[in-house]
Amino acid sequence: MSSTNNEVGAHADAIIIGGGLSGMAAAYTLAQEGLRVTVLEAKDRVGGRTHSNADTPGGPLDLGGMLIGTTHHRSRLLGETLGLTWVPARPSGSMTYRADGEVVRAPDGGYPDSVGGSTTLDAELTRVNGLFDELAETVGSQGPWDSPEHVALDAITVQSWLDENVTDAVARRIVRTDLNIIVGADTTEMSMLFWAQYVAKCEGMRALQVTANDALWLGGSQQISQRIADFDGITVITDAPVYSVAYTDDTVVVESARGQFTASAATIAVPPSAANAIQFSPELPLARRQLQARAPMGRESKVQVRYSRPFWRDAGLSGEVFDLDLGYLSLDVTRPGDEWATIVAFIGGKDYDAWFALGPDARKQAVLDSLIAVLGSEAANVLGYHETDWPSVPYTMGAPVTVMPPGLLSRIGNALNAPVGPLRFAGTEAASMWTGYMEGAVRAGEAAAHDILASLKALKALTAGAA
């Protein structure tokens, strides 16, 4: 796949390593300013952690990132500029919880008063979320990372914090499952500083749990990257994993499976763990190397089950399910025009570990048994079942986001997006806000591109002055 008037292998103004949403947003921003951009993508497609199958029976399916939040302004604008249309997600109705086989209903976006033996659940979870919001406000989204408070939070796991601050066992269980779904890792694996910063970057717990799931793109979110790939000035080279990057103050030489490419600047728009497979010369700063070596991707699967109609709505249910027994969150993501209705379920972290180990047939049966228990017997009448196992996807190796263990974030500081010579770093992990979401991917890509534009302008002025 390639586009534009550039010759493959010709010197470009900028190289983008990674043709995911962030890399394509960076390429689009640069090309709009008249720069020649080469995008090198290891997969056989653009889109990265967004991947849409337009030919699925019953209507297009988003196999990766799909949900748009109410304040995801940059990604909405980009999609709309490219001619895409978004539609509301999350129909109204009651949410369903299951714990130890007990099924209860709760208000849309709220908690039940009791489930699994807890009788004060709504009040306790509201309190815990308030504490998370307070910590997020204290930590902030941008640092600094060397204060005593930051170091102390980075020395403990989220689970340690929960054990000390939450006495209700069911509330702890719900929070643990919720975080496993949100970031794809267990609370025993992630730093409390990382989580507090994550909440800050995503505008608080209510935004993470409710308003981040506001809308969907008709036809699928991968279309954003696909349409950018056809933009004049951009050359996309797929099946081009990058082996090495050599750089000076004003030149970047990239060796890939599709040959050598040169440019005046480059953006690394892949997850830190994927960037760790690239050899850099000279070596990247220690903080960046530590980030790439010590911060893995989350592990999460996305399961989509299709039905002839959204039967759950007949009973006043939204299709939103929080199942503590299996460890998933489901949503109704049926789009207007779809022939079949769709329930999507996200299973992450420790719950993913247990569920995935069951094997394909038992995994499917476990999901269907749960949906029958919470939505009714009609959930057995399945027309389509699709699993997307992101840890098995080459070059991505997980989803939805990079996760930091204790002791890392306070040491690496701003290495997620700090420039290194002519190199810039993007990807949703590098975003100033909404990391882990498509919004963060777009923001980080645009920020890296604007930084490159400014540096190339300054270099051009310096060169002209010397002449």
Protein backbone atom coordinates (compact mmCIF):
# COMPACT_ATOMS: atom_id res chain seq x y z
CA MET A 1 0.00 0.00 0.00
CA SER A 2 1.39 3.37 -0.94
CA SER A 3 0.03 6.72 -2.00
CA THR A 4 1.05 10.19 -3.16
CA ASN A 5 3.62 11.42 -5.63
CA ASN A 6 6.69 10.58 -3.53
CA GLU A 7 9.04 7.88 -4.73
CA VAL A 8 9.44 4.98 -2.34
CA GLY A 9 12.82 5.38 -0.67
CA ALA A 10 13.19 9.05 -1.64
CA HIS A 11 14.30 11.56 0.99
CA ALA A 12 11.28 12.92 2.85
CA ASP A 13 10.82 15.87 5.14
CA ALA A 14 9.60 13.51 7.87
CA ILE A 15 9.31 9.79 8.51
CA ILE A 16 6.56 8.37 10.67
CA ILE A 17 7.32 4.98 12.19
CA GLY A 18 3.94 3.39 12.84
CA GLY A 19 0.82 3.81 10.72
CA GLY A 20 -1.66 3.66 13.57
CA LEU A 21 -4.09 6.47 14.31
CA SER A 22 -1.44 8.57 16.05
CA GLY A 23 1.12 8.19 13.29
CA MET A 24 -1.46 8.92 10.61
CA ALA A 25 -2.67 12.01 12.49
CA ALA A 26 0.94 13.22 12.58
CA ALA A 27 1.38 12.52 8.88
CA TYR A 28 -1.84 14.36 8.02
CA THR A 29 -0.83 17.41 10.07
CA LEU A 30 2.57 17.58 8.36
CA ALA A 31 1.21 16.99 4.87
CA GLN A 32 -1.33 19.76 5.30
CA GLU A 33 1.63 22.12 5.71
CA GLY A 34 3.15 20.91 2.45
CA LEU A 35 5.72 18.50 3.85
CA ARG A 36 6.57 15.19 2.18
CA VAL A 37 5.91 12.39 4.65
CA THR A 38 6.80 8.69 4.54
CA VAL A 39 4.89 6.36 6.86
CA LEU A 40 6.49 2.99 7.63
CA GLU A 41 4.04 0.42 9.00
CA ALA A 42 5.01 -3.10 10.08
CA LYS A 43 1.55 -4.57 9.53
CA ASP A 44 -0.15 -5.04 6.17
CA ARG A 45 -2.59 -2.22 6.95
CA VAL A 46 -2.81 1.19 8.56
CA GLY A 47 -4.85 1.84 11.68
CA GLY A 48 -2.78 0.26 14.45
CA ARG A 49 -5.04 -0.41 17.42
CA THR A 50 -8.02 0.63 15.29
CA HIS A 51 -9.04 -2.14 12.94
CA SER A 52 -12.45 -2.28 11.26
CA ASN A 53 -13.93 -5.13 9.24
CA ALA A 54 -16.41 -3.58 6.82
CA ASP A 55 -17.40 -6.93 5.31
CA THR A 56 -18.61 -8.68 8.47
CA PRO A 57 -22.09 -10.18 8.05
CA GLY A 58 -24.64 -8.03 9.85
CA GLY A 59 -22.68 -4.79 9.53
CA PRO A 60 -19.13 -3.47 10.04
CA LEU A 61 -17.28 -4.43 13.21
CA ASP A 62 -14.58 -2.47 15.01
CA LEU A 63 -12.06 -5.05 16.17
CA GLY A 64 -10.00 -2.45 18.04
CA GLY A 65 -10.58 1.08 19.35
CA MET A 66 -14.08 2.29 18.66
CA LEU A 67 -15.61 4.57 21.32
CA ILE A 68 -15.60 8.38 21.20
CA GLY A 69 -16.02 10.47 24.35
CA THR A 70 -18.02 13.64 24.81
CA THR A 71 -14.82 15.71 25.16
CA HIS A 72 -12.82 13.90 22.48
CA HIS A 73 -12.78 17.03 20.36
CA ARG A 74 -9.59 16.52 18.35
CA SER A 75 -10.43 13.02 17.15
CA ARG A 76 -14.03 14.00 16.36
CA LEU A 77 -12.84 16.96 14.34
CA LEU A 78 -10.33 14.85 12.44
CA GLY A 79 -12.92 12.22 11.56
CA GLU A 80 -15.48 14.81 10.54
CA THR A 81 -12.90 16.65 8.42
CA LEU A 82 -12.27 13.39 6.58
CA GLY A 83 -15.98 12.97 5.87
CA LEU A 84 -16.93 10.45 8.55
CA THR A 85 -20.14 10.47 10.57
CA TRP A 86 -20.49 9.58 14.22
CA VAL A 87 -23.60 8.19 15.87
CA PRO A 88 -24.59 7.97 19.55
CA ALA A 89 -23.56 4.89 21.52
CA ARG A 90 -24.85 3.45 24.80
CA PRO A 91 -28.66 3.37 24.50
CA SER A 92 -30.61 4.23 27.62
CA GLY A 93 -31.78 1.58 30.05
CA SER A 94 -30.73 -0.25 33.17
CA MET A 95 -27.22 -1.61 33.65
CA THR A 96 -26.87 -5.20 34.88
CA TYR A 97 -24.40 -6.53 37.45
CA ARG A 98 -23.54 -10.15 38.22
CA ALA A 99 -21.59 -11.37 41.25
CA ASP A 100 -21.44 -14.93 42.58
CA GLY A 101 -24.34 -15.82 40.31
CA GLU A 102 -26.56 -13.01 41.63
CA VAL A 103 -27.96 -10.71 38.93
CA VAL A 104 -29.16 -7.20 39.80
CA ARG A 105 -30.05 -4.08 37.86
CA ALA A 106 -28.61 -0.63 38.44
CA PRO A 107 -29.28 2.85 37.03
CA ASP A 108 -27.59 3.64 33.74
CA GLY A 109 -24.06 4.79 34.62
CA GLY A 110 -24.60 4.03 38.32
CA TYR A 111 -24.15 1.27 40.87
CA PRO A 112 -26.62 -1.10 42.56
CA ASP A 113 -27.23 -0.67 46.26
CA SER A 114 -26.29 -4.28 46.89
CA VAL A 115 -24.79 -7.26 45.08
CA GLY A 116 -22.57 -10.14 46.13
CA GLY A 117 -23.37 -9.61 49.81
CA SER A 118 -22.52 -5.92 50.02
CA THR A 119 -25.36 -3.67 51.18
CA THR A 120 -23.66 -0.26 50.89
CA LEU A 121 -22.11 -0.65 47.48
CA ASP A 122 -23.32 2.54 45.81
CA ALA A 123 -22.06 4.74 48.64
CA GLU A 124 -18.74 2.90 48.93
CA LEU A 125 -17.94 2.98 45.21
CA THR A 126 -18.90 6.64 45.04
CA ARG A 127 -16.47 7.28 47.90
CA VAL A 128 -13.65 5.33 46.25
CA ASN A 129 -14.10 7.10 42.94
CA GLY A 130 -14.02 10.40 44.79
CA LEU A 131 -10.69 9.42 46.37
CA PHE A 132 -9.30 8.51 42.94
CA ASP A 133 -10.41 11.90 41.61
CA GLU A 134 -8.73 13.69 44.53
CA LEU A 135 -5.47 11.85 43.92
CA ALA A 136 -5.69 12.61 40.21
CA GLU A 137 -6.12 16.30 40.93
CA THR A 138 -3.13 16.23 43.27
CA VAL A 139 -0.89 14.35 40.84
CA GLY A 140 -2.06 16.21 37.72
CA SER A 141 -1.66 15.06 34.15
CA GLN A 142 1.79 16.51 33.49
CA GLY A 143 4.04 15.98 36.52
CA PRO A 144 6.44 16.90 38.17
CA TRP A 145 7.56 13.40 38.99
CA ASP A 146 10.25 13.91 41.64
CA SER A 147 8.16 15.26 44.53
CA PRO A 148 8.00 13.15 47.72
CA GLU A 149 4.28 12.53 47.15
CA HIS A 150 4.81 11.26 43.60
CA VAL A 151 7.61 8.95 44.69
CA ALA A 152 5.49 7.55 47.52
CA LEU A 153 2.56 6.81 45.20
CA ASP A 154 4.91 5.21 42.69
CA ALA A 155 6.26 2.88 45.37
CA ILE A 156 2.94 1.05 45.82
CA THR A 157 0.53 -0.85 43.62
CA VAL A 158 -3.11 0.08 43.18
CA GLN A 159 -4.01 -3.13 45.00
CA SER A 160 -1.97 -2.11 48.03
CA TRP A 161 -3.82 1.20 48.08
CA LEU A 162 -7.19 -0.56 47.78
CA ASP A 163 -6.36 -2.96 50.59
CA GLU A 164 -5.55 -0.01 52.86
CA ASN A 165 -8.40 2.31 51.87
CA VAL A 166 -11.38 0.10 50.94
CA THR A 167 -12.83 -2.29 53.53
CA ASP A 168 -15.84 -3.49 51.48
CA ALA A 169 -14.65 -6.68 49.75
CA VAL A 170 -17.19 -6.43 46.93
CA ALA A 171 -16.27 -2.82 46.25
CA ARG A 172 -12.59 -3.80 46.05
CA ARG A 173 -13.53 -6.59 43.68
CA ILE A 174 -15.50 -4.26 41.41
CA VAL A 175 -12.74 -1.67 41.32
CA ARG A 176 -10.15 -4.33 40.58
CA THR A 177 -12.17 -5.74 37.68
CA ASP A 178 -12.92 -2.26 36.38
CA LEU A 179 -9.24 -1.32 36.24
CA ASN A 180 -8.35 -4.64 34.62
CA ILE A 181 -10.76 -3.70 31.84
CA ILE A 182 -9.72 -0.05 31.53
CA VAL A 183 -5.96 -0.60 31.18
CA GLY A 184 -5.62 -4.34 30.56
CA ALA A 185 -3.57 -5.11 33.68
CA ASP A 186 -4.25 -6.17 37.24
CA THR A 187 -4.19 -3.79 40.16
CA THR A 188 -1.29 -5.82 41.60
CA GLU A 189 0.78 -4.90 38.54
CA MET A 190 0.28 -1.16 38.15
CA SER A 191 1.70 1.75 40.07
CA MET A 192 -0.67 3.96 42.04
CA LEU A 193 1.06 7.00 40.55
CA PHE A 194 0.45 5.62 37.06
CA TRP A 195 -3.23 5.11 37.81
CA ALA A 196 -3.70 8.54 39.42
CA GLN A 197 -2.09 10.18 36.40
CA TYR A 198 -4.25 8.07 34.07
CA VAL A 199 -7.39 9.29 35.82
CA ALA A 200 -6.13 12.89 35.57
CA LYS A 201 -5.42 12.56 31.86
CA CYS A 202 -8.89 11.14 31.30
CA GLU A 203 -10.77 13.89 33.17
CA GLY A 204 -11.84 11.84 36.17
CA MET A 205 -13.60 8.61 37.01
CA ARG A 206 -17.03 9.52 35.65
CA ALA A 207 -15.49 10.36 32.29
CA LEU A 208 -13.63 7.04 32.26
CA GLN A 209 -16.70 5.03 33.19
CA VAL A 210 -19.47 6.88 31.35
CA THR A 211 -18.81 9.83 29.07
CA ALA A 212 -15.81 8.24 27.30
CA ASN A 213 -18.29 5.82 25.70
CA ASP A 214 -20.49 8.37 23.97
CA ALA A 215 -20.35 7.70 20.22
CA LEU A 216 -19.17 5.47 17.37
CA TRP A 217 -17.99 6.10 13.80
CA LEU A 218 -20.33 4.78 11.13
CA GLY A 219 -18.38 2.21 9.14
CA GLY A 220 -15.63 1.91 11.77
CA SER A 221 -12.81 3.96 13.24
CA GLN A 222 -10.04 2.57 11.01
CA GLN A 223 -11.45 4.68 8.19
CA ILE A 224 -9.70 7.72 9.66
CA SER A 225 -6.27 6.20 9.00
CA GLN A 226 -7.34 4.73 5.68
CA ARG A 227 -8.53 8.10 4.37
CA ILE A 228 -5.40 9.88 5.56
CA ALA A 229 -3.32 7.32 3.65
CA ASP A 230 -4.78 8.71 0.40
CA PHE A 231 -3.88 12.31 1.23
CA ASP A 232 -1.50 14.08 -1.16
CA GLY A 233 2.04 14.30 0.18
CA ILE A 234 1.90 11.06 2.19
CA THR A 235 3.56 7.81 1.15
CA VAL A 236 2.54 4.77 3.18
CA ILE A 237 4.76 1.69 3.08
CA THR A 238 3.23 -1.39 4.73
CA ASP A 239 4.90 -4.69 5.65
CA ALA A 240 7.86 -2.52 6.67
CA PRO A 241 8.97 -3.32 10.21
CA VAL A 242 11.77 -0.98 11.23
CA TYR A 243 15.06 -2.49 12.38
CA SER A 244 17.19 0.56 13.14
CA VAL A 245 17.14 4.35 13.37
CA ALA A 246 20.35 6.38 13.06
CA TYR A 247 20.11 10.11 13.68
CA THR A 248 22.10 13.32 13.84
CA ASP A 249 20.84 16.79 14.68
CA ASP A 250 19.09 17.19 11.32
CA THR A 251 19.01 13.77 9.62
CA VAL A 252 17.31 10.45 10.28
CA VAL A 253 18.19 7.21 8.48
CA VAL A 254 15.75 4.34 8.94
CA GLU A 255 16.45 0.74 7.95
CA SER A 256 13.36 -1.38 7.39
CA ALA A 257 12.25 -4.59 5.74
CA ARG A 258 11.32 -2.49 2.71
CA GLY A 259 14.65 -0.72 2.44
CA GLN A 260 16.37 2.42 3.70
CA PHE A 261 14.56 5.74 4.15
CA THR A 262 15.92 9.16 5.07
CA ALA A 263 14.34 12.36 6.33
CA SER A 264 15.06 15.52 8.26
CA ALA A 265 12.97 14.38 11.24
CA ALA A 266 11.01 11.37 12.44
CA THR A 267 8.15 10.48 14.76
CA ILE A 268 8.14 7.16 16.59
CA ALA A 269 4.41 6.41 16.78
CA VAL A 270 4.40 2.88 18.18
CA PRO A 271 3.95 1.63 21.76
CA PRO A 272 7.11 1.94 23.89
CA SER A 273 7.48 -1.85 24.09
CA ALA A 274 7.38 -2.08 20.29
CA ALA A 275 9.93 0.74 19.97
CA ASN A 276 12.22 -1.31 22.20
CA ALA A 277 12.72 -3.73 19.28
CA ILE A 278 14.33 -0.92 17.23
CA GLN A 279 18.08 -0.27 17.45
CA PHE A 280 18.82 3.44 17.86
CA SER A 281 22.16 5.04 17.08
CA PRO A 282 23.18 6.88 19.14
CA GLU A 283 21.37 5.24 22.04
CA LEU A 284 18.27 6.95 23.35
CA PRO A 285 18.51 8.65 26.78
CA LEU A 286 18.38 6.29 29.75
CA ALA A 287 14.88 7.34 30.85
CA ARG A 288 13.45 6.55 27.41
CA ARG A 289 15.27 3.21 27.29
CA GLN A 290 13.91 2.33 30.73
CA LEU A 291 10.39 3.19 29.60
CA GLN A 292 10.65 1.00 26.52
CA ALA A 293 12.13 -1.94 28.41
CA ARG A 294 9.96 -1.89 31.54
CA ALA A 295 6.47 -0.81 30.44
CA PRO A 296 4.48 -3.60 28.74
CA MET A 297 1.24 -3.33 26.82
CA GLY A 298 -1.95 -4.29 28.61
CA ARG A 299 -3.52 -7.63 27.77
CA GLU A 300 -7.12 -7.60 26.67
CA SER A 301 -9.56 -9.34 24.37
CA LYS A 302 -12.59 -7.86 22.74
CA VAL A 303 -15.55 -10.18 22.19
CA GLN A 304 -18.49 -9.23 19.97
CA VAL A 305 -21.71 -11.23 19.89
CA ARG A 306 -24.35 -10.54 17.24
CA TYR A 307 -28.10 -11.07 17.35
CA SER A 308 -31.01 -10.58 14.98
CA ARG A 309 -32.26 -7.67 17.12
CA PRO A 310 -31.40 -5.82 20.37
CA PHE A 311 -33.87 -7.90 22.39
CA TRP A 312 -32.50 -6.68 25.74
CA ARG A 313 -34.05 -3.27 25.12
CA ASP A 314 -37.53 -4.83 25.38
CA ALA A 315 -36.85 -5.38 29.09
CA GLY A 316 -35.54 -1.85 29.61
CA LEU A 317 -31.90 -2.97 29.61
CA SER A 318 -29.10 -0.92 28.04
CA GLY A 319 -26.97 -3.95 27.21
CA GLU A 320 -24.33 -2.63 29.60
CA VAL A 321 -23.23 -5.50 31.84
CA PHE A 322 -20.59 -5.63 34.57
CA ASP A 323 -19.93 -9.29 35.31
CA LEU A 324 -17.66 -9.94 38.28
CA ASP A 325 -17.82 -13.71 37.85
CA LEU A 326 -16.27 -13.71 34.37
CA GLY A 327 -14.66 -10.29 34.64
CA TYR A 328 -15.98 -8.23 31.74
CA LEU A 329 -17.84 -5.07 30.81
CA SER A 330 -20.25 -5.20 27.89
CA LEU A 331 -21.96 -2.47 25.88
CA ASP A 332 -24.58 -2.32 23.16
CA VAL A 333 -22.71 -1.00 20.11
CA THR A 334 -25.41 -1.55 17.49
CA ARG A 335 -25.14 1.17 14.85
CA PRO A 336 -27.98 2.60 12.74
CA GLY A 337 -28.12 0.62 9.52
CA ASP A 338 -26.67 -2.57 11.00
CA GLU A 339 -28.63 -5.67 10.01
CA TRP A 340 -27.72 -7.38 13.28
CA ALA A 341 -27.44 -6.08 16.84
CA THR A 342 -24.09 -6.21 18.63
CA ILE A 343 -22.97 -6.68 22.22
CA VAL A 344 -19.26 -6.03 22.79
CA ALA A 345 -17.45 -7.32 25.89
CA PHE A 346 -14.00 -6.30 27.13
CA ILE A 347 -11.97 -8.76 29.22
CA GLY A 348 -8.59 -7.62 30.54
CA GLY A 349 -5.74 -8.28 32.94
CA LYS A 350 -6.06 -11.15 35.41
CA ASP A 351 -9.59 -11.92 34.19
CA TYR A 352 -8.23 -12.20 30.65
CA ASP A 353 -5.58 -14.64 31.89
CA ALA A 354 -8.14 -17.01 33.38
CA TRP A 355 -10.66 -16.71 30.55
CA PHE A 356 -8.19 -17.04 27.67
CA ALA A 357 -6.66 -20.17 29.20
CA LEU A 358 -10.03 -21.94 28.81
CA GLY A 359 -9.52 -22.46 25.07
CA PRO A 360 -11.71 -21.24 22.18
CA ASP A 361 -14.83 -23.36 22.73
CA ALA A 362 -14.96 -22.92 26.51
CA ARG A 363 -14.27 -19.17 26.19
CA LYS A 364 -17.22 -18.74 23.87
CA GLN A 365 -19.49 -20.82 26.08
CA ALA A 366 -18.49 -18.85 29.17
CA VAL A 367 -19.42 -15.57 27.47
CA LEU A 368 -22.74 -16.93 26.19
CA ASP A 369 -23.64 -18.47 29.56
CA SER A 370 -23.08 -15.10 31.18
CA LEU A 371 -25.13 -13.19 28.60
CA ILE A 372 -27.98 -15.67 28.98
CA ALA A 373 -27.87 -15.19 32.77
CA VAL A 374 -27.91 -11.40 32.61
CA LEU A 375 -29.90 -10.60 29.44
CA GLY A 376 -32.26 -13.58 29.16
CA SER A 377 -32.66 -16.82 27.23
CA GLU A 378 -32.77 -15.08 23.85
CA ALA A 379 -29.04 -14.44 24.26
CA ALA A 380 -28.52 -18.07 23.23
CA ASN A 381 -29.68 -17.27 19.68
CA VAL A 382 -26.31 -16.11 18.39
CA LEU A 383 -25.78 -15.13 14.74
CA GLY A 384 -22.13 -14.17 15.01
CA TYR A 385 -19.31 -14.45 17.55
CA HIS A 386 -15.97 -12.65 17.12
CA GLU A 387 -12.92 -12.59 19.39
CA THR A 388 -10.07 -10.11 18.93
CA ASP A 389 -7.09 -11.19 21.03
CA TRP A 390 -4.84 -8.13 21.02
CA PRO A 391 -1.86 -9.76 22.81
CA SER A 392 -1.60 -12.10 19.81
CA VAL A 393 -1.47 -9.28 17.24
CA PRO A 394 2.09 -8.94 15.86
CA TYR A 395 3.83 -5.59 16.40
CA THR A 396 1.07 -4.39 18.76
CA MET A 397 1.27 -7.21 21.31
CA GLY A 398 -1.55 -6.02 23.52
CA ALA A 399 -4.15 -3.40 24.28
CA PRO A 400 -5.51 -0.95 25.13
CA VAL A 401 -2.49 0.94 26.49
CA THR A 402 1.01 0.73 27.96
CA VAL A 403 1.00 -0.04 31.69
CA MET A 404 3.62 1.13 34.19
CA PRO A 405 4.66 -0.95 37.22
CA PRO A 406 5.72 0.64 40.52
CA GLY A 407 8.96 2.59 40.47
CA LEU A 408 8.97 3.56 36.80
CA LEU A 409 6.91 6.70 36.17
CA SER A 410 8.63 8.73 38.89
CA ARG A 411 11.99 7.83 37.34
CA ILE A 412 11.31 8.36 33.63
CA GLY A 413 9.50 11.69 34.00
CA ASN A 414 8.50 13.11 30.63
CA ALA A 415 10.31 10.47 28.54
CA LEU A 416 6.98 9.45 26.99
CA ASN A 417 7.05 12.47 24.72
CA ALA A 418 10.35 14.32 25.28
CA PRO A 419 12.13 15.03 21.95
CA VAL A 420 15.50 13.43 21.22
CA GLY A 421 17.35 15.38 18.53
CA PRO A 422 15.22 15.12 15.36
CA LEU A 423 13.07 12.36 16.91
CA ARG A 424 9.60 12.86 18.33
CA PHE A 425 7.41 10.31 20.11
CA ALA A 426 3.69 9.83 19.61
CA GLY A 427 1.14 7.08 20.19
CA THR A 428 -1.72 7.37 22.66
CA GLU A 429 0.71 6.73 25.55
CA ALA A 430 2.46 10.04 24.78
CA ALA A 431 -0.71 12.15 24.88
CA SER A 432 -1.10 15.03 27.29
CA MET A 433 -4.76 14.06 27.74
CA TRP A 434 -6.86 10.95 27.06
CA THR A 435 -4.03 8.46 26.92
CA GLY A 436 -5.35 4.99 26.09
CA TYR A 437 -8.03 6.35 23.76
CA MET A 438 -8.28 7.35 20.10
CA GLU A 439 -8.43 10.95 21.31
CA GLY A 440 -5.04 10.56 22.96
CA ALA A 441 -3.61 9.01 19.79
CA VAL A 442 -4.73 11.97 17.69
CA ARG A 443 -3.56 14.56 20.21
CA ALA A 444 -0.12 12.97 20.53
CA GLY A 445 0.28 12.67 16.76
CA GLU A 446 -0.71 16.27 16.16
CA ALA A 447 1.56 17.50 18.96
CA ALA A 448 4.56 15.61 17.55
CA ALA A 449 3.86 17.02 14.09
CA HIS A 450 3.60 20.60 15.32
CA ASP A 451 6.89 20.14 17.19
CA ILE A 452 8.54 18.87 13.99
CA LEU A 453 7.14 21.81 12.02
CA ALA A 454 8.58 24.25 14.54
CA SER A 455 11.98 22.54 14.60
CA LEU A 456 12.24 22.40 10.79
CA LYS A 457 11.26 26.04 10.56
CA ALA A 458 13.94 26.96 13.08
CA LEU A 459 16.52 24.85 11.23
CA LYS A 460 15.63 26.51 7.94
CA ALA A 461 16.00 29.96 9.50
CA LEU A 462 19.36 28.99 11.00
CA THR A 463 20.59 27.67 7.66
CA ALA A 464 19.45 30.81 5.85
CA GLY A 465 21.17 32.99 8.43
CA ALA A 466 24.43 31.07 8.06
CA ALA A 467 24.29 31.52 4.30
